Amino acid sequence: MIGVLMGSGSDRSVAQGCLDLLQQFGIPHEVVVASAHRTPELVEATVARLEPTVLAYIVFAGMAAHLAGAVASRTSKPVIGVPVAGSLNGLDALLATVQMPPGVPVATMAVDGAKNAALFAAAILALTPAGEVLKLKDKLADYRARQAQAVIEVNRNLST
């Protein structure tokens, strides 16, 4: 299972691309809104509750974007951070997410990189027995093949 945390409800529109791919790949996930600044106790309780069943976390946050680091400080499991664009076009969130101290790693995606977060999580899960049951290696290969086919179709349409 993947734990998906968002710093606020407004992050849902960005997270939706991730949630859609997790659903498409059949990856169980739980979504929680918890703020590193407004509800730190909820962040701590959520990670503690999810820890026995979750294999990785995907964390969405904008502005100061401390949520991914707060989650990473409470787990040794992979944490994938997705900076959410805001008034500074996501630069503030990107820097806050990517600049983690040694020992508290966060794999940081591009600003609003929700789909890549889901794909990265799927690739991690594909290495586990649960990923084998879900046939994630095959699903990832099929996804990439469809992407390649879409590029070929664009080129085909350019020449007509």
Protein backbone atom coordinates (compact mmCIF):
# COMPACT_ATOMS: atom_id res chain seq x y z
CA MET A 1 0.00 0.00 0.00
CA ILE A 2 1.03 3.60 -0.63
CA GLY A 3 0.35 6.36 1.86
CA VAL A 4 -0.55 9.59 0.08
CA LEU A 5 -0.40 12.73 2.21
CA MET A 6 -1.37 16.23 1.16
CA GLY A 7 -0.57 19.39 3.09
CA SER A 8 -4.00 20.82 2.34
CA GLY A 9 -7.15 19.99 0.45
CA SER A 10 -6.12 22.39 -2.31
CA ASP A 11 -3.31 19.97 -3.23
CA ARG A 12 -5.94 17.46 -4.43
CA SER A 13 -6.10 18.91 -7.94
CA VAL A 14 -2.36 18.28 -8.40
CA ALA A 15 -2.44 14.91 -6.64
CA GLN A 16 -5.27 13.64 -8.86
CA GLY A 17 -2.90 12.58 -11.65
CA CYS A 18 -1.03 10.44 -9.13
CA LEU A 19 -4.20 8.98 -7.65
CA ASP A 20 -5.52 8.12 -11.11
CA LEU A 21 -2.35 6.19 -11.99
CA LEU A 22 -2.28 4.36 -8.66
CA GLN A 23 -5.88 3.34 -9.34
CA GLN A 24 -5.08 2.35 -12.94
CA PHE A 25 -2.22 0.12 -11.74
CA GLY A 26 -4.38 -1.39 -8.99
CA ILE A 27 -2.10 -0.12 -6.23
CA PRO A 28 -3.89 0.16 -2.89
CA HIS A 29 -3.47 3.58 -1.32
CA GLU A 30 -4.84 5.76 1.42
CA VAL A 31 -5.13 9.53 1.11
CA VAL A 32 -4.84 11.82 4.14
CA VAL A 33 -4.72 15.61 4.46
CA ALA A 34 -2.33 16.60 7.24
CA SER A 35 -0.27 19.76 7.62
CA ALA A 36 3.29 19.75 8.96
CA HIS A 37 2.60 23.20 10.43
CA ARG A 38 -1.10 23.21 11.36
CA THR A 39 -1.57 19.58 12.43
CA PRO A 40 1.86 18.09 13.24
CA GLU A 41 0.29 15.62 15.67
CA LEU A 42 -1.93 14.32 12.86
CA VAL A 43 1.12 13.85 10.63
CA GLU A 44 2.85 11.86 13.36
CA ALA A 45 -0.26 9.78 14.11
CA THR A 46 -0.91 9.11 10.42
CA VAL A 47 2.62 7.86 9.77
CA ALA A 48 2.47 5.69 12.91
CA ARG A 49 -0.87 4.22 11.81
CA LEU A 50 0.18 3.59 8.19
CA GLU A 51 3.69 2.36 8.98
CA PRO A 52 2.81 -1.36 9.43
CA THR A 53 1.14 -1.65 6.01
CA VAL A 54 2.59 1.05 3.77
CA LEU A 55 5.57 0.35 1.51
CA ALA A 56 6.19 3.97 0.47
CA TYR A 57 4.75 7.45 0.90
CA ILE A 58 3.89 10.07 -1.70
CA VAL A 59 3.67 13.54 -0.18
CA PHE A 60 2.23 16.68 -1.80
CA ALA A 61 2.88 20.13 -0.32
CA GLY A 62 3.29 23.70 -1.49
CA MET A 63 4.85 26.88 -0.13
CA ALA A 64 7.12 25.98 2.83
CA ALA A 65 6.54 22.29 1.92
CA HIS A 66 7.89 20.70 5.09
CA LEU A 67 5.45 17.79 5.00
CA ALA A 68 7.66 15.36 3.05
CA GLY A 69 10.53 15.97 5.46
CA ALA A 70 8.23 15.56 8.45
CA VAL A 71 7.09 12.20 7.07
CA ALA A 72 10.65 11.14 6.19
CA SER A 73 11.79 11.92 9.73
CA ARG A 74 9.28 9.38 11.05
CA THR A 75 9.95 6.44 8.70
CA SER A 76 12.75 4.52 7.03
CA LYS A 77 10.49 3.71 4.07
CA PRO A 78 10.78 5.60 0.77
CA VAL A 79 9.23 9.07 0.77
CA ILE A 80 8.47 10.67 -2.58
CA GLY A 81 7.95 14.42 -2.37
CA VAL A 82 5.92 16.38 -4.90
CA PRO A 83 6.32 20.15 -4.60
CA VAL A 84 3.07 21.93 -5.47
CA ALA A 85 3.15 25.18 -7.43
CA GLY A 86 1.92 28.30 -5.71
CA SER A 87 2.62 32.02 -5.81
CA LEU A 88 6.32 31.45 -6.59
CA ASN A 89 5.54 28.87 -9.30
CA GLY A 90 6.60 26.10 -6.94
CA LEU A 91 10.21 27.19 -6.53
CA ASP A 92 9.73 27.65 -2.79
CA ALA A 93 8.16 24.20 -2.45
CA LEU A 94 10.79 22.60 -4.68
CA LEU A 95 13.69 23.97 -2.64
CA ALA A 96 12.04 23.03 0.66
CA THR A 97 11.41 19.48 -0.55
CA VAL A 98 14.73 18.79 -2.23
CA GLN A 99 17.04 20.33 0.41
CA MET A 100 16.82 17.64 3.09
CA PRO A 101 19.59 17.08 5.63
CA PRO A 102 21.69 13.91 5.47
CA GLY A 103 19.86 10.94 6.94
CA VAL A 104 16.36 12.18 6.09
CA PRO A 105 16.05 11.44 2.36
CA VAL A 106 13.13 12.53 0.19
CA ALA A 107 13.02 11.52 -3.48
CA THR A 108 11.80 14.78 -5.00
CA MET A 109 9.79 14.92 -8.20
CA ALA A 110 9.31 17.95 -10.44
CA VAL A 111 6.96 20.73 -9.39
CA ASP A 112 3.44 19.28 -9.77
CA GLY A 113 5.06 15.97 -10.84
CA ALA A 114 2.17 13.81 -9.65
CA LYS A 115 2.27 11.22 -12.42
CA ASN A 116 6.01 10.62 -12.02
CA ALA A 117 5.48 10.17 -8.29
CA ALA A 118 2.98 7.38 -8.96
CA LEU A 119 5.28 5.79 -11.54
CA PHE A 120 8.24 5.97 -9.15
CA ALA A 121 6.18 4.38 -6.38
CA ALA A 122 5.02 1.67 -8.79
CA ALA A 123 8.65 0.97 -9.74
CA ILE A 124 9.56 0.62 -6.05
CA LEU A 125 6.61 -1.69 -5.41
CA ALA A 126 7.42 -3.73 -8.53
CA LEU A 127 10.52 -4.98 -6.67
CA THR A 128 8.43 -6.49 -3.86
CA PRO A 129 6.29 -9.64 -3.63
CA ALA A 130 3.20 -7.40 -3.55
CA GLY A 131 4.35 -5.82 -6.81
CA GLU A 132 4.74 -9.25 -8.37
CA VAL A 133 1.15 -10.11 -7.41
CA LEU A 134 -0.04 -6.84 -8.95
CA LYS A 135 2.12 -7.49 -12.07
CA LEU A 136 3.55 -3.99 -11.76
CA LYS A 137 6.59 -4.66 -13.97
CA ASP A 138 4.24 -5.61 -16.81
CA LYS A 139 1.94 -2.65 -16.14
CA LEU A 140 4.89 -0.23 -16.15
CA ALA A 141 6.21 -1.71 -19.40
CA ASP A 142 2.75 -1.41 -20.98
CA TYR A 143 2.44 2.20 -19.80
CA ARG A 144 5.78 3.11 -21.38
CA ALA A 145 4.90 1.29 -24.58
CA ARG A 146 1.68 3.33 -24.81
CA GLN A 147 3.70 6.53 -24.29
CA ALA A 148 6.06 5.53 -27.10
CA GLN A 149 3.11 4.71 -29.35
CA ALA A 150 1.61 8.14 -28.66
CA VAL A 151 4.83 9.79 -29.89
CA ILE A 152 4.80 7.64 -33.02
CA GLU A 153 1.19 8.65 -33.66
CA VAL A 154 2.08 12.34 -33.34
CA ASN A 155 4.83 11.89 -35.91
CA ARG A 156 2.50 9.98 -38.19
CA ASN A 157 -0.04 12.81 -38.00
CA LEU A 158 2.65 15.41 -38.74
CA SER A 159 3.41 13.81 -42.09
CA THR A 160 -0.20 13.84 -43.30
